[in-house]
Amino acid sequence: MIILLTIVHLTLIQLQNIMRNHWWMWKQIIPSLMRFAIISKNWWQQYLPTLRSILMAHCWKRKIWIVSCLRLIRKSLVV
């Protein structure tokens, strides 16, 4: 579990450095990461706060990023 979160964290760091100004690419990548991370509803409910905090740590610079990240998380829950 910790390894998975570390991979997601490091991936987001790299993506943030490469695509800081390309929000449309984030819209494609974040849901893919969320689908990859979701194994079951119970797993998701248990680790949602950790994943949300990782995303928010990368989205704090712009308030709209935080809102958009949380919306993408909610959309991923439906899928």
N, C-alpha and C. Protein backbone atom coordinates (compact mmCIF):
# COMPACT_ATOMS: atom_id res chain seq x y z
N MET A 1 0.83 -1.20 0.00
CA MET A 1 0.00 0.00 0.00
C MET A 1 0.87 1.26 0.00
N ILE A 2 1.86 1.28 0.88
CA ILE A 2 2.74 2.44 0.96
C ILE A 2 3.51 2.61 -0.35
N ILE A 3 3.88 1.48 -0.95
CA ILE A 3 4.58 1.54 -2.23
C ILE A 3 3.70 2.17 -3.30
N LEU A 4 2.42 1.76 -3.33
CA LEU A 4 1.48 2.33 -4.31
C LEU A 4 1.34 3.83 -4.13
N LEU A 5 1.16 4.28 -2.88
CA LEU A 5 1.02 5.71 -2.62
C LEU A 5 2.29 6.46 -2.99
N THR A 6 3.45 5.85 -2.74
CA THR A 6 4.72 6.48 -3.10
C THR A 6 4.84 6.63 -4.61
N ILE A 7 4.45 5.59 -5.35
CA ILE A 7 4.49 5.66 -6.81
C ILE A 7 3.58 6.76 -7.32
N VAL A 8 2.36 6.82 -6.79
CA VAL A 8 1.42 7.87 -7.20
C VAL A 8 1.99 9.25 -6.86
N HIS A 9 2.56 9.37 -5.66
CA HIS A 9 3.13 10.64 -5.21
C HIS A 9 4.26 11.09 -6.13
N LEU A 10 5.20 10.20 -6.41
CA LEU A 10 6.33 10.54 -7.27
C LEU A 10 5.88 10.83 -8.69
N THR A 11 4.88 10.08 -9.16
CA THR A 11 4.35 10.33 -10.50
C THR A 11 3.75 11.72 -10.58
N LEU A 12 2.99 12.11 -9.55
CA LEU A 12 2.39 13.44 -9.55
C LEU A 12 3.44 14.54 -9.49
N ILE A 13 4.53 14.30 -8.76
CA ILE A 13 5.60 15.29 -8.71
C ILE A 13 6.18 15.49 -10.11
N GLN A 14 6.47 14.39 -10.81
CA GLN A 14 7.03 14.49 -12.15
C GLN A 14 6.04 15.16 -13.11
N LEU A 15 4.78 14.76 -13.04
CA LEU A 15 3.78 15.34 -13.93
C LEU A 15 3.58 16.82 -13.66
N GLN A 16 3.64 17.21 -12.38
CA GLN A 16 3.48 18.62 -12.05
C GLN A 16 4.61 19.44 -12.65
N ASN A 17 5.83 18.92 -12.59
CA ASN A 17 6.97 19.65 -13.14
C ASN A 17 6.87 19.76 -14.66
N ILE A 18 6.39 18.71 -15.31
CA ILE A 18 6.34 18.69 -16.78
C ILE A 18 5.15 19.47 -17.31
N MET A 19 3.99 19.32 -16.66
CA MET A 19 2.75 19.86 -17.23
C MET A 19 2.08 20.89 -16.34
N ARG A 20 2.87 21.77 -15.76
CA ARG A 20 2.34 22.76 -14.84
C ARG A 20 1.26 23.63 -15.48
N ASN A 21 1.39 23.91 -16.76
CA ASN A 21 0.45 24.82 -17.43
C ASN A 21 -0.55 24.11 -18.33
N HIS A 22 -0.65 22.80 -18.22
CA HIS A 22 -1.53 22.06 -19.12
C HIS A 22 -2.59 21.31 -18.32
N TRP A 23 -3.57 22.06 -17.84
CA TRP A 23 -4.59 21.47 -16.98
C TRP A 23 -5.39 20.39 -17.68
N TRP A 24 -5.61 20.50 -18.98
CA TRP A 24 -6.40 19.51 -19.70
C TRP A 24 -5.74 18.14 -19.64
N MET A 25 -4.41 18.09 -19.55
CA MET A 25 -3.73 16.80 -19.43
C MET A 25 -3.95 16.20 -18.04
N TRP A 26 -3.97 17.07 -17.01
CA TRP A 26 -4.28 16.59 -15.66
C TRP A 26 -5.66 15.95 -15.63
N LYS A 27 -6.60 16.51 -16.35
CA LYS A 27 -7.96 15.97 -16.36
C LYS A 27 -7.98 14.54 -16.90
N GLN A 28 -7.05 14.22 -17.78
CA GLN A 28 -6.98 12.87 -18.32
C GLN A 28 -6.20 11.93 -17.40
N ILE A 29 -5.14 12.44 -16.79
CA ILE A 29 -4.23 11.59 -16.03
C ILE A 29 -4.76 11.24 -14.64
N ILE A 30 -5.32 12.22 -13.92
CA ILE A 30 -5.76 11.97 -12.54
C ILE A 30 -6.84 10.89 -12.47
N PRO A 31 -7.89 10.91 -13.31
CA PRO A 31 -8.87 9.81 -13.23
C PRO A 31 -8.25 8.45 -13.51
N SER A 32 -7.26 8.40 -14.40
CA SER A 32 -6.59 7.13 -14.68
C SER A 32 -5.87 6.63 -13.43
N LEU A 33 -5.20 7.53 -12.72
CA LEU A 33 -4.52 7.14 -11.49
C LEU A 33 -5.53 6.67 -10.44
N MET A 34 -6.67 7.36 -10.38
CA MET A 34 -7.68 6.97 -9.41
C MET A 34 -8.24 5.58 -9.72
N ARG A 35 -8.51 5.31 -10.99
CA ARG A 35 -9.03 3.99 -11.37
C ARG A 35 -8.02 2.91 -11.06
N PHE A 36 -6.75 3.22 -11.28
CA PHE A 36 -5.69 2.27 -10.97
C PHE A 36 -5.63 1.99 -9.47
N ALA A 37 -5.86 3.03 -8.67
CA ALA A 37 -5.76 2.89 -7.22
C ALA A 37 -6.98 2.20 -6.61
N ILE A 38 -8.13 2.32 -7.25
CA ILE A 38 -9.35 1.74 -6.67
C ILE A 38 -9.36 0.23 -6.89
N ILE A 39 -9.30 -0.51 -5.82
CA ILE A 39 -9.37 -1.96 -5.91
C ILE A 39 -10.76 -2.43 -5.48
N SER A 40 -11.28 -1.82 -4.45
CA SER A 40 -12.63 -2.12 -4.01
C SER A 40 -13.19 -0.90 -3.29
N LYS A 41 -14.52 -0.88 -3.09
CA LYS A 41 -15.14 0.25 -2.39
C LYS A 41 -14.59 0.39 -0.98
N ASN A 42 -14.38 -0.73 -0.29
CA ASN A 42 -13.85 -0.67 1.07
C ASN A 42 -12.44 -0.08 1.08
N TRP A 43 -11.63 -0.52 0.12
CA TRP A 43 -10.26 0.00 0.02
C TRP A 43 -10.30 1.50 -0.21
N TRP A 44 -11.19 1.93 -1.13
CA TRP A 44 -11.28 3.34 -1.47
C TRP A 44 -11.68 4.17 -0.25
N GLN A 45 -12.68 3.70 0.49
CA GLN A 45 -13.14 4.46 1.66
C GLN A 45 -12.05 4.54 2.73
N GLN A 46 -11.24 3.50 2.82
CA GLN A 46 -10.20 3.48 3.84
C GLN A 46 -9.05 4.43 3.50
N TYR A 47 -8.70 4.52 2.23
CA TYR A 47 -7.52 5.29 1.85
C TYR A 47 -7.82 6.61 1.14
N LEU A 48 -9.09 6.95 0.99
CA LEU A 48 -9.46 8.21 0.34
C LEU A 48 -8.79 9.43 0.97
N PRO A 49 -8.77 9.57 2.30
CA PRO A 49 -8.14 10.77 2.87
C PRO A 49 -6.67 10.89 2.49
N THR A 50 -5.95 9.77 2.42
CA THR A 50 -4.53 9.82 2.06
C THR A 50 -4.36 10.25 0.62
N LEU A 51 -5.13 9.67 -0.29
CA LEU A 51 -5.04 10.05 -1.70
C LEU A 51 -5.44 11.50 -1.90
N ARG A 52 -6.47 11.93 -1.20
CA ARG A 52 -6.93 13.32 -1.32
C ARG A 52 -5.85 14.28 -0.82
N SER A 53 -5.19 13.93 0.28
CA SER A 53 -4.15 14.82 0.80
C SER A 53 -2.96 14.90 -0.15
N ILE A 54 -2.63 13.76 -0.80
CA ILE A 54 -1.54 13.80 -1.78
C ILE A 54 -1.90 14.71 -2.94
N LEU A 55 -3.13 14.57 -3.45
CA LEU A 55 -3.55 15.42 -4.57
C LEU A 55 -3.58 16.88 -4.16
N MET A 56 -4.09 17.17 -2.97
CA MET A 56 -4.18 18.56 -2.53
C MET A 56 -2.79 19.16 -2.31
N ALA A 57 -1.83 18.33 -1.90
CA ALA A 57 -0.47 18.83 -1.72
C ALA A 57 0.11 19.30 -3.05
N HIS A 58 -0.34 18.70 -4.15
CA HIS A 58 0.14 19.09 -5.46
C HIS A 58 -0.72 20.18 -6.09
N CYS A 59 -1.86 20.45 -5.50
CA CYS A 59 -2.80 21.40 -6.11
C CYS A 59 -2.95 22.69 -5.29
N TRP A 60 -2.15 22.86 -4.26
CA TRP A 60 -2.37 23.99 -3.34
C TRP A 60 -2.06 25.34 -3.96
N LYS A 61 -1.27 25.39 -5.02
CA LYS A 61 -0.86 26.68 -5.57
C LYS A 61 -2.02 27.46 -6.16
N ARG A 62 -2.97 26.75 -6.71
CA ARG A 62 -4.15 27.41 -7.28
C ARG A 62 -5.40 26.82 -6.66
N LYS A 63 -6.25 27.69 -6.13
CA LYS A 63 -7.46 27.21 -5.47
C LYS A 63 -8.33 26.39 -6.42
N ILE A 64 -8.37 26.80 -7.67
CA ILE A 64 -9.21 26.09 -8.64
C ILE A 64 -8.69 24.66 -8.84
N TRP A 65 -7.38 24.45 -8.68
CA TRP A 65 -6.82 23.11 -8.82
C TRP A 65 -7.37 22.19 -7.75
N ILE A 66 -7.48 22.69 -6.52
CA ILE A 66 -8.00 21.88 -5.42
C ILE A 66 -9.43 21.46 -5.71
N VAL A 67 -10.25 22.42 -6.12
CA VAL A 67 -11.64 22.12 -6.43
C VAL A 67 -11.72 21.11 -7.57
N SER A 68 -10.94 21.31 -8.60
CA SER A 68 -10.96 20.41 -9.75
C SER A 68 -10.47 19.02 -9.38
N CYS A 69 -9.44 18.93 -8.56
CA CYS A 69 -8.94 17.62 -8.12
C CYS A 69 -10.03 16.88 -7.35
N LEU A 70 -10.70 17.56 -6.44
CA LEU A 70 -11.74 16.91 -5.66
C LEU A 70 -12.91 16.49 -6.54
N ARG A 71 -13.25 17.29 -7.54
CA ARG A 71 -14.31 16.90 -8.48
C ARG A 71 -13.92 15.65 -9.25
N LEU A 72 -12.65 15.58 -9.67
CA LEU A 72 -12.19 14.40 -10.40
C LEU A 72 -12.21 13.16 -9.51
N ILE A 73 -11.90 13.34 -8.23
CA ILE A 73 -11.96 12.21 -7.30
C ILE A 73 -13.40 11.71 -7.21
N ARG A 74 -14.36 12.63 -7.08
CA ARG A 74 -15.77 12.24 -6.99
C ARG A 74 -16.22 11.54 -8.27
N LYS A 75 -15.78 12.05 -9.44
CA LYS A 75 -16.14 11.41 -10.70
C LYS A 75 -15.55 10.01 -10.78
N SER A 76 -14.34 9.84 -10.27
CA SER A 76 -13.71 8.53 -10.29
C SER A 76 -14.45 7.54 -9.41
N LEU A 77 -15.06 8.04 -8.34
CA LEU A 77 -15.83 7.15 -7.46
C LEU A 77 -17.01 6.53 -8.20
N VAL A 78 -17.60 7.30 -9.12
CA VAL A 78 -18.77 6.81 -9.85
C VAL A 78 -18.38 5.70 -10.81
N VAL A 79 -17.20 5.81 -11.40
CA VAL A 79 -16.74 4.83 -12.40
C VAL A 79 -16.44 3.49 -11.83
